[in-house]
Each structure stands twice: as C-alpha cells, then as structure tokens.
Protein backbone atom coordinates (compact mmCIF):
# COMPACT_ATOMS: atom_id res chain seq x y z
CA MET A 1 0.10 0.08 -0.15
CA THR A 2 2.68 2.51 1.04
CA GLN A 3 4.47 1.50 -2.43
CA GLY A 4 1.29 2.51 -4.58
CA LYS A 5 1.19 5.83 -2.45
CA THR A 6 4.85 6.84 -2.86
CA LEU A 7 4.70 6.12 -6.81
CA ILE A 8 1.62 7.91 -7.18
CA ILE A 9 3.01 11.17 -5.46
CA VAL A 10 6.78 10.81 -7.49
CA LEU A 11 4.37 10.63 -10.69
CA VAL A 12 2.43 13.73 -9.86
CA THR A 13 5.22 15.46 -8.21
CA LEU A 14 6.86 14.47 -11.91
CA VAL A 15 3.61 16.04 -13.70
CA ILE A 16 3.44 18.87 -12.03
CA GLY A 17 7.35 19.69 -11.87
CA PHE A 18 7.40 19.64 -15.97
CA GLY A 19 3.96 21.35 -16.22
CA ALA A 20 5.72 24.27 -14.48
CA GLY A 21 8.69 23.96 -16.57
CA PHE A 22 7.00 24.53 -19.51
CA THR A 23 4.92 27.00 -18.52
CA LEU A 24 7.50 29.13 -16.75
CA ARG A 25 10.37 28.68 -19.60
CA PRO A 26 9.45 31.55 -21.35
CA ILE A 27 10.11 33.42 -18.24
CA ILE A 28 13.13 31.79 -16.94
CA ALA A 29 15.08 32.09 -20.38
CA PRO A 30 13.37 33.56 -23.41
CA ALA A 31 13.58 32.13 -26.60
CA GLY A 32 16.78 33.34 -28.77
CA PRO A 33 16.14 34.15 -32.59
CA SER A 34 15.62 31.01 -34.13
CA ALA A 35 18.46 29.22 -36.35
CA ALA A 36 16.22 30.51 -39.63
CA ALA A 37 16.39 33.73 -38.39
CA ILE A 38 19.97 33.36 -37.67
CA SER A 39 21.06 32.20 -40.95
CA ALA A 40 19.52 34.85 -42.58
CA LEU A 41 20.86 37.43 -40.88
CA ALA A 42 24.24 36.14 -41.74
CA ILE A 43 26.11 37.83 -44.31
CA PRO A 44 27.09 34.78 -46.94
CA PRO A 45 30.51 34.31 -47.39
CA THR A 46 32.01 36.17 -50.24
CA GLU A 47 34.06 34.01 -53.42
CA PRO A 48 37.50 34.86 -53.38
CA ARG A 49 38.77 37.84 -55.64
CA GLY A 50 40.86 35.83 -58.71
CA THR A 51 43.75 35.65 -60.49
CA GLN A 52 42.56 37.68 -63.11
CA TYR A 53 41.05 40.19 -60.78
CA PHE A 54 44.46 41.08 -59.25
CA ALA A 55 46.31 40.83 -62.50
CA ALA A 56 44.11 43.61 -63.27
CA HIS A 57 44.64 45.40 -60.01
CA LEU A 58 48.31 44.89 -59.24
CA ASP A 59 48.42 47.78 -56.44
CA GLU A 60 45.41 45.99 -54.50
CA ALA A 61 47.15 42.59 -54.66
CA ARG A 62 50.28 43.97 -53.50
CA GLN A 63 48.39 44.92 -50.72
CA VAL A 64 46.49 41.76 -50.30
CA VAL A 65 49.90 40.20 -49.99
CA ALA A 66 51.21 42.52 -47.60
CA GLN A 67 48.24 41.62 -45.34
CA CYS A 68 48.67 37.92 -45.73
CA ALA A 69 52.36 38.57 -44.66
CA GLU A 70 51.27 39.78 -41.53
CA GLY A 71 48.29 37.42 -41.09
CA THR A 72 45.31 39.93 -41.58
CA VAL A 73 44.12 38.09 -44.55
CA ARG A 74 44.06 34.27 -45.35
CA GLY A 75 42.69 31.97 -47.40
CA ALA A 76 42.43 31.61 -51.61
CA GLU A 77 42.78 35.33 -52.02
CA CYS A 78 46.38 34.97 -50.64
CA ALA A 79 47.31 32.17 -53.36
CA ASN A 80 45.56 34.35 -55.95
CA ALA A 81 47.05 37.88 -55.38
CA GLU A 82 50.54 36.42 -54.92
CA GLN A 83 50.25 34.48 -58.26
CA ALA A 84 49.40 37.70 -59.88
CA VAL A 85 51.58 39.66 -58.45
CA VAL A 86 54.65 37.08 -59.11
CA GLU A 87 53.43 36.72 -62.89
CA ALA A 88 53.57 40.55 -63.33
CA GLU A 89 56.82 40.77 -61.67
CA GLY A 90 57.50 37.75 -64.43
CA ARG A 91 56.74 39.74 -67.50
CA ASP A 92 58.43 42.43 -66.06
CA ARG A 93 61.47 41.12 -65.90
CA PHE A 94 61.07 39.31 -69.29
CA LYS A 95 60.33 42.30 -71.06
CA ARG A 96 63.74 44.07 -69.59
CA PHE A 97 65.64 41.04 -70.50
CA MET A 98 64.56 41.50 -73.94
CA GLY A 99 64.92 44.88 -74.20
CA ASN A 100 61.18 46.15 -74.30
C-alpha cells in the first residue's frame, strides 16, 4: 500500500514539475532568434577574388599580399594575389631582359 502511494506521489510531482517547467520556460529563459532567422541575418561568404582580378589591379594585389604576410588576410585570396604579383613581376623582368 505504501509503495503504491509513493509511486502516485512521485508521478504527480513529476507531472507538476514538468507542467511548471513548460509554463515558466518563456519567463525563465526567453527563446532567442531561431536558426532560420540567424542564417538569414548572416552575411553570405564572399567568393575570393581571382588571379585575373588581381592581375588587373596590381596595387590591390600587393596590399593583399602584405596583409597576408601580416596574417590579417588568409585563404584563397592570398594565393591568388601572390600568383598575380609573381606573374606580373615575371613579365616585367622578361620585358627588361628582352629590351622592350
């Protein structure tokens, strides 16, 4: 008999606790923005500028290479900018060698 009463008391206590938790949850810890709202607000990642872009804008490519050396810029843009600078310097050296 006492085991039956204990079981009923435990079940009633659990039901009351869960009910109170569900009703007080918005007050205790308000829900933040949903994952869909966060992803909509996030800025989409931009594509790294290509080697052709940096070949046309050598001053900007040199700035990006300097920033890469400092560690403020990383990723594919570093490689693209460095490749454009190296190719431009190679063309300049070749032109000077050939006397143009």
